[in-house]
Amino acid sequence: MARRAKALLLAALVSATVAHAETVVCHLTYGGETKLVVAKPTTSPYHVAPVAVGSYFLFRIVFRTEPADLAGIKLYTYADRDAGPVIIHQASYGYPYANAAVNGFSGLNRVYEPVRDGELEYWCELK
């Protein structure tokens, strides 16, 4: 009985930890459409794939909470060129970071297409 009680307590603690895990949510607006991109903490930043935004941009969120000396949030915007992705914007934020009253922790950012004159607008928050 004691073993079962410990197992239930452990399951409850794991469930509570997962339920309270923070995420980064970025609000991307391009071509009049807004989409949300959500990122959970990762321990493998090189395996985080970018998300396509329209036909030209790729957006990538790398959210690390540990180890403490590497904790942070990095946001990357790439131009999806024929020869492969080219980084055109990068922003770094320490962790933990507090959201502002408007436009989260990142503030409002605008990234422009160097060829087609389009605009990607984004802001990100910690939830």
N, C-alpha and C. Protein backbone atom coordinates (compact mmCIF):
# COMPACT_ATOMS: atom_id res chain seq x y z
N MET A 1 0.81 -1.19 0.00
CA MET A 1 0.00 0.00 0.00
C MET A 1 0.86 1.26 0.00
N ALA A 2 1.92 1.26 0.79
CA ALA A 2 2.81 2.42 0.87
C ALA A 2 3.47 2.67 -0.49
N ARG A 3 3.82 1.60 -1.20
CA ARG A 3 4.45 1.75 -2.51
C ARG A 3 3.47 2.39 -3.49
N ARG A 4 2.23 1.97 -3.43
CA ARG A 4 1.22 2.54 -4.33
C ARG A 4 0.98 4.02 -4.01
N ALA A 5 0.95 4.38 -2.72
CA ALA A 5 0.77 5.78 -2.33
C ALA A 5 1.93 6.63 -2.83
N LYS A 6 3.16 6.11 -2.74
CA LYS A 6 4.32 6.84 -3.25
C LYS A 6 4.23 7.01 -4.76
N ALA A 7 3.79 5.97 -5.45
CA ALA A 7 3.66 6.04 -6.91
C ALA A 7 2.61 7.08 -7.30
N LEU A 8 1.50 7.12 -6.60
CA LEU A 8 0.46 8.11 -6.88
C LEU A 8 0.95 9.52 -6.60
N LEU A 9 1.68 9.69 -5.50
CA LEU A 9 2.23 11.00 -5.16
C LEU A 9 3.22 11.45 -6.24
N LEU A 10 4.08 10.55 -6.67
CA LEU A 10 5.04 10.87 -7.72
C LEU A 10 4.32 11.25 -9.01
N ALA A 11 3.30 10.51 -9.38
CA ALA A 11 2.53 10.82 -10.59
C ALA A 11 1.87 12.19 -10.48
N ALA A 12 1.35 12.52 -9.31
CA ALA A 12 0.73 13.83 -9.11
C ALA A 12 1.76 14.94 -9.22
N LEU A 13 2.94 14.73 -8.67
CA LEU A 13 3.99 15.75 -8.76
C LEU A 13 4.44 15.96 -10.19
N VAL A 14 4.63 14.88 -10.94
CA VAL A 14 5.02 14.99 -12.34
C VAL A 14 3.94 15.70 -13.13
N SER A 15 2.69 15.35 -12.89
CA SER A 15 1.57 15.99 -13.57
C SER A 15 1.53 17.48 -13.26
N ALA A 16 1.73 17.86 -12.02
CA ALA A 16 1.72 19.28 -11.63
C ALA A 16 2.88 20.02 -12.28
N THR A 17 4.03 19.38 -12.37
CA THR A 17 5.18 20.01 -13.00
C THR A 17 4.91 20.25 -14.48
N VAL A 18 4.36 19.27 -15.16
CA VAL A 18 4.05 19.42 -16.57
C VAL A 18 2.99 20.50 -16.77
N ALA A 19 2.00 20.54 -15.91
CA ALA A 19 0.93 21.52 -16.05
C ALA A 19 1.44 22.94 -15.84
N HIS A 20 2.49 23.10 -15.04
CA HIS A 20 3.02 24.43 -14.76
C HIS A 20 4.25 24.78 -15.58
N ALA A 21 4.62 23.93 -16.54
CA ALA A 21 5.78 24.20 -17.38
C ALA A 21 5.53 25.45 -18.20
N GLU A 22 6.52 26.30 -18.26
CA GLU A 22 6.38 27.52 -19.03
C GLU A 22 6.56 27.24 -20.51
N THR A 23 5.96 28.09 -21.31
CA THR A 23 6.13 28.03 -22.75
C THR A 23 6.36 29.46 -23.25
N VAL A 24 6.98 29.55 -24.42
CA VAL A 24 7.11 30.82 -25.11
C VAL A 24 6.07 30.78 -26.22
N VAL A 25 5.26 31.82 -26.29
CA VAL A 25 4.24 31.93 -27.33
C VAL A 25 4.55 33.19 -28.13
N CYS A 26 4.78 33.02 -29.43
CA CYS A 26 5.04 34.16 -30.30
C CYS A 26 3.84 34.37 -31.22
N HIS A 27 3.45 35.62 -31.35
CA HIS A 27 2.33 36.05 -32.19
C HIS A 27 2.93 36.60 -33.48
N LEU A 28 2.79 35.87 -34.58
CA LEU A 28 3.38 36.26 -35.86
C LEU A 28 2.30 36.76 -36.80
N THR A 29 2.50 37.94 -37.36
CA THR A 29 1.55 38.50 -38.32
C THR A 29 2.28 38.73 -39.64
N TYR A 30 1.73 38.13 -40.68
CA TYR A 30 2.31 38.25 -42.01
C TYR A 30 1.19 38.15 -43.04
N GLY A 31 1.16 39.07 -43.97
CA GLY A 31 0.14 39.03 -45.02
C GLY A 31 -1.27 39.15 -44.48
N GLY A 32 -1.45 39.85 -43.37
CA GLY A 32 -2.77 40.05 -42.79
C GLY A 32 -3.25 38.89 -41.93
N GLU A 33 -2.47 37.84 -41.79
CA GLU A 33 -2.85 36.70 -40.96
C GLU A 33 -1.93 36.61 -39.76
N THR A 34 -2.53 36.27 -38.60
CA THR A 34 -1.75 36.09 -37.38
C THR A 34 -1.81 34.63 -36.98
N LYS A 35 -0.64 34.07 -36.64
CA LYS A 35 -0.60 32.71 -36.15
C LYS A 35 0.26 32.68 -34.90
N LEU A 36 -0.03 31.72 -34.04
CA LEU A 36 0.73 31.55 -32.81
C LEU A 36 1.70 30.39 -32.98
N VAL A 37 2.92 30.62 -32.52
CA VAL A 37 3.93 29.57 -32.51
C VAL A 37 4.33 29.38 -31.05
N VAL A 38 4.25 28.14 -30.58
CA VAL A 38 4.50 27.82 -29.17
C VAL A 38 5.76 26.97 -29.07
N ALA A 39 6.60 27.31 -28.09
CA ALA A 39 7.82 26.53 -27.86
C ALA A 39 7.93 26.17 -26.39
N LYS A 40 8.22 24.91 -26.15
CA LYS A 40 8.49 24.43 -24.79
C LYS A 40 10.00 24.44 -24.58
N PRO A 41 10.44 24.38 -23.34
CA PRO A 41 11.88 24.33 -23.09
C PRO A 41 12.50 23.11 -23.76
N THR A 42 13.71 23.29 -24.24
CA THR A 42 14.43 22.20 -24.88
C THR A 42 15.81 22.06 -24.28
N THR A 43 16.34 20.86 -24.35
CA THR A 43 17.72 20.63 -23.96
C THR A 43 18.58 20.38 -25.19
N SER A 44 17.94 20.37 -26.37
CA SER A 44 18.64 20.14 -27.64
C SER A 44 18.34 21.27 -28.61
N PRO A 45 18.95 22.43 -28.43
CA PRO A 45 18.61 23.58 -29.27
C PRO A 45 18.86 23.37 -30.76
N TYR A 46 19.82 22.53 -31.10
CA TYR A 46 20.13 22.32 -32.53
C TYR A 46 19.08 21.47 -33.23
N HIS A 47 18.18 20.86 -32.47
CA HIS A 47 17.13 20.04 -33.06
C HIS A 47 15.80 20.80 -33.21
N VAL A 48 15.76 22.06 -32.83
CA VAL A 48 14.54 22.85 -32.94
C VAL A 48 14.41 23.34 -34.38
N ALA A 49 13.36 22.91 -35.03
CA ALA A 49 13.14 23.27 -36.44
C ALA A 49 12.39 24.59 -36.55
N PRO A 50 12.66 25.36 -37.59
CA PRO A 50 11.90 26.59 -37.80
C PRO A 50 10.51 26.28 -38.36
N VAL A 51 9.62 27.25 -38.21
CA VAL A 51 8.25 27.15 -38.70
C VAL A 51 8.11 28.09 -39.90
N ALA A 52 7.50 27.62 -40.97
CA ALA A 52 7.30 28.45 -42.15
C ALA A 52 6.23 29.50 -41.87
N VAL A 53 6.52 30.72 -42.29
CA VAL A 53 5.57 31.83 -42.19
C VAL A 53 5.43 32.41 -43.59
N GLY A 54 4.28 32.20 -44.19
CA GLY A 54 4.11 32.61 -45.58
C GLY A 54 5.02 31.78 -46.47
N SER A 55 5.39 32.34 -47.60
CA SER A 55 6.24 31.60 -48.55
C SER A 55 7.69 32.03 -48.46
N TYR A 56 8.01 32.95 -47.57
CA TYR A 56 9.37 33.50 -47.58
C TYR A 56 10.10 33.38 -46.24
N PHE A 57 9.40 33.55 -45.12
CA PHE A 57 10.06 33.56 -43.82
C PHE A 57 10.03 32.19 -43.14
N LEU A 58 11.05 31.95 -42.32
CA LEU A 58 11.08 30.85 -41.38
C LEU A 58 11.34 31.47 -40.01
N PHE A 59 10.63 31.00 -38.99
CA PHE A 59 10.76 31.56 -37.65
C PHE A 59 11.09 30.43 -36.68
N ARG A 60 12.07 30.66 -35.82
CA ARG A 60 12.54 29.60 -34.91
C ARG A 60 12.68 30.16 -33.50
N ILE A 61 12.15 29.41 -32.53
CA ILE A 61 12.25 29.78 -31.12
C ILE A 61 13.09 28.71 -30.41
N VAL A 62 14.13 29.13 -29.73
CA VAL A 62 14.92 28.21 -28.91
C VAL A 62 14.79 28.69 -27.48
N PHE A 63 14.15 27.87 -26.65
CA PHE A 63 13.84 28.20 -25.26
C PHE A 63 14.55 27.20 -24.36
N ARG A 64 15.52 27.69 -23.60
CA ARG A 64 16.28 26.83 -22.67
C ARG A 64 16.12 27.36 -21.26
N THR A 65 15.80 26.46 -20.35
CA THR A 65 15.68 26.83 -18.94
C THR A 65 16.84 26.29 -18.12
N GLU A 66 17.57 25.34 -18.69
CA GLU A 66 18.72 24.77 -18.00
C GLU A 66 19.70 24.24 -19.03
N PRO A 67 20.97 24.17 -18.69
CA PRO A 67 21.58 24.58 -17.43
C PRO A 67 21.49 26.10 -17.26
N ALA A 68 21.59 26.56 -16.03
CA ALA A 68 21.37 27.96 -15.70
C ALA A 68 22.25 28.91 -16.51
N ASP A 69 23.49 28.52 -16.77
CA ASP A 69 24.38 29.42 -17.50
C ASP A 69 24.05 29.52 -18.99
N LEU A 70 23.21 28.64 -19.50
CA LEU A 70 22.78 28.69 -20.90
C LEU A 70 21.30 29.02 -21.05
N ALA A 71 20.61 29.25 -19.94
CA ALA A 71 19.17 29.52 -19.99
C ALA A 71 18.91 30.82 -20.74
N GLY A 72 17.89 30.80 -21.58
CA GLY A 72 17.52 31.99 -22.33
C GLY A 72 16.54 31.66 -23.43
N ILE A 73 16.13 32.70 -24.12
CA ILE A 73 15.20 32.58 -25.24
C ILE A 73 15.86 33.25 -26.43
N LYS A 74 15.96 32.52 -27.52
CA LYS A 74 16.53 33.07 -28.74
C LYS A 74 15.50 32.94 -29.85
N LEU A 75 15.31 34.02 -30.57
CA LEU A 75 14.35 34.07 -31.67
C LEU A 75 15.11 34.33 -32.96
N TYR A 76 14.84 33.51 -33.96
CA TYR A 76 15.54 33.62 -35.24
C TYR A 76 14.53 33.77 -36.36
N THR A 77 14.81 34.67 -37.30
CA THR A 77 14.01 34.79 -38.51
C THR A 77 14.95 34.57 -39.69
N TYR A 78 14.52 33.68 -40.59
CA TYR A 78 15.31 33.36 -41.76
C TYR A 78 14.54 33.72 -43.02
N ALA A 79 15.28 34.07 -44.08
CA ALA A 79 14.70 34.17 -45.41
C ALA A 79 14.85 32.80 -46.03
N ASP A 80 13.77 32.25 -46.54
CA ASP A 80 13.80 30.91 -47.15
C ASP A 80 14.17 31.07 -48.62
N ARG A 81 15.47 31.10 -48.89
CA ARG A 81 15.98 31.32 -50.24
C ARG A 81 16.15 29.99 -50.97
N ASP A 82 16.26 30.04 -52.28
CA ASP A 82 16.44 28.83 -53.08
C ASP A 82 17.70 28.07 -52.67
N ALA A 83 18.74 28.80 -52.30
CA ALA A 83 20.01 28.17 -51.93
C ALA A 83 20.01 27.69 -50.48
N GLY A 84 18.92 27.94 -49.75
CA GLY A 84 18.82 27.52 -48.35
C GLY A 84 18.50 28.72 -47.46
N PRO A 85 18.12 28.46 -46.22
CA PRO A 85 17.75 29.53 -45.30
C PRO A 85 18.92 30.46 -44.99
N VAL A 86 18.61 31.76 -44.91
CA VAL A 86 19.60 32.78 -44.56
C VAL A 86 19.04 33.57 -43.39
N ILE A 87 19.81 33.66 -42.30
CA ILE A 87 19.33 34.40 -41.13
C ILE A 87 19.31 35.89 -41.43
N ILE A 88 18.17 36.54 -41.13
CA ILE A 88 18.07 37.98 -41.36
C ILE A 88 17.74 38.75 -40.08
N HIS A 89 17.42 38.01 -38.99
CA HIS A 89 17.11 38.67 -37.72
C HIS A 89 17.29 37.67 -36.60
N GLN A 90 17.90 38.14 -35.48
CA GLN A 90 18.07 37.28 -34.31
C GLN A 90 17.96 38.16 -33.08
N ALA A 91 17.25 37.66 -32.07
CA ALA A 91 17.10 38.38 -30.80
C ALA A 91 17.31 37.41 -29.66
N SER A 92 17.97 37.87 -28.60
CA SER A 92 18.26 37.03 -27.43
C SER A 92 17.72 37.69 -26.18
N TYR A 93 17.14 36.87 -25.31
CA TYR A 93 16.58 37.34 -24.04
C TYR A 93 17.04 36.39 -22.94
N GLY A 94 17.37 36.95 -21.79
CA GLY A 94 17.75 36.12 -20.65
C GLY A 94 16.53 35.39 -20.11
N TYR A 95 16.79 34.41 -19.27
CA TYR A 95 15.69 33.69 -18.63
C TYR A 95 16.02 33.57 -17.15
N PRO A 96 15.10 33.82 -16.26
CA PRO A 96 13.70 34.18 -16.53
C PRO A 96 13.59 35.63 -16.97
N TYR A 97 12.55 35.91 -17.70
CA TYR A 97 12.30 37.24 -18.23
C TYR A 97 10.84 37.58 -17.98
N ALA A 98 10.55 38.80 -17.59
CA ALA A 98 9.17 39.19 -17.28
C ALA A 98 8.49 39.79 -18.51
N ASN A 99 7.21 39.48 -18.66
CA ASN A 99 6.41 40.08 -19.72
C ASN A 99 6.09 41.52 -19.37
N ALA A 100 6.08 42.38 -20.37
CA ALA A 100 5.61 43.75 -20.19
C ALA A 100 4.09 43.74 -20.29
N ALA A 101 3.47 44.86 -19.97
CA ALA A 101 2.00 44.94 -20.03
C ALA A 101 1.49 44.79 -21.46
N VAL A 102 2.29 45.20 -22.43
CA VAL A 102 1.91 45.11 -23.84
C VAL A 102 3.04 44.44 -24.61
N ASN A 103 2.71 43.55 -25.51
CA ASN A 103 3.67 42.90 -26.40
C ASN A 103 4.72 42.05 -25.68
N GLY A 104 4.33 41.40 -24.59
CA GLY A 104 5.15 40.39 -23.94
C GLY A 104 6.54 40.83 -23.55
N PHE A 105 7.48 39.89 -23.57
CA PHE A 105 8.85 40.19 -23.17
C PHE A 105 9.68 40.74 -24.33
N SER A 106 9.26 40.49 -25.56
CA SER A 106 10.08 40.87 -26.71
C SER A 106 9.80 42.27 -27.24
N GLY A 107 8.63 42.82 -26.89
CA GLY A 107 8.22 44.05 -27.56
C GLY A 107 7.82 43.72 -28.99
N LEU A 108 7.34 44.70 -29.70
CA LEU A 108 6.89 44.49 -31.07
C LEU A 108 8.09 44.59 -32.01
N ASN A 109 8.28 43.58 -32.84
CA ASN A 109 9.39 43.54 -33.79
C ASN A 109 8.84 43.47 -35.21
N ARG A 110 9.58 44.06 -36.13
CA ARG A 110 9.24 43.98 -37.54
C ARG A 110 10.47 43.55 -38.32
N VAL A 111 10.28 42.56 -39.17
CA VAL A 111 11.36 42.06 -40.01
C VAL A 111 10.89 42.18 -41.45
N TYR A 112 11.77 42.69 -42.32
CA TYR A 112 11.38 42.94 -43.70
C TYR A 112 12.08 41.99 -44.66
N GLU A 113 11.33 41.59 -45.69
CA GLU A 113 11.89 40.76 -46.74
C GLU A 113 12.85 41.61 -47.56
N PRO A 114 14.07 41.16 -47.76
CA PRO A 114 15.02 41.97 -48.53
C PRO A 114 14.73 41.99 -50.03
N VAL A 115 13.90 41.08 -50.53
CA VAL A 115 13.64 41.00 -51.96
C VAL A 115 12.23 41.46 -52.32
N ARG A 116 11.23 40.99 -51.57
CA ARG A 116 9.83 41.21 -51.96
C ARG A 116 9.13 42.34 -51.23
N ASP A 117 9.76 42.97 -50.28
CA ASP A 117 9.18 44.10 -49.57
C ASP A 117 8.06 43.74 -48.60
N GLY A 118 7.92 42.47 -48.22
CA GLY A 118 6.91 42.07 -47.25
C GLY A 118 7.41 42.32 -45.83
N GLU A 119 6.49 42.27 -44.88
CA GLU A 119 6.83 42.53 -43.48
C GLU A 119 6.28 41.42 -42.58
N LEU A 120 7.13 40.92 -41.70
CA LEU A 120 6.72 40.00 -40.64
C LEU A 120 6.75 40.81 -39.35
N GLU A 121 5.64 40.79 -38.65
CA GLU A 121 5.55 41.49 -37.37
C GLU A 121 5.36 40.42 -36.30
N TYR A 122 6.11 40.53 -35.19
CA TYR A 122 5.94 39.54 -34.14
C TYR A 122 6.20 40.13 -32.76
N TRP A 123 5.59 39.47 -31.79
CA TRP A 123 5.92 39.71 -30.37
C TRP A 123 5.73 38.39 -29.64
N CYS A 124 6.49 38.23 -28.54
CA CYS A 124 6.48 36.95 -27.84
C CYS A 124 6.25 37.17 -26.34
N GLU A 125 5.61 36.18 -25.74
CA GLU A 125 5.34 36.24 -24.30
C GLU A 125 5.69 34.91 -23.67
N LEU A 126 5.96 34.96 -22.37
CA LEU A 126 6.23 33.77 -21.59
C LEU A 126 4.94 33.41 -20.88
N LYS A 127 4.48 32.18 -21.04
CA LYS A 127 3.23 31.73 -20.42
C LYS A 127 3.52 30.59 -19.48
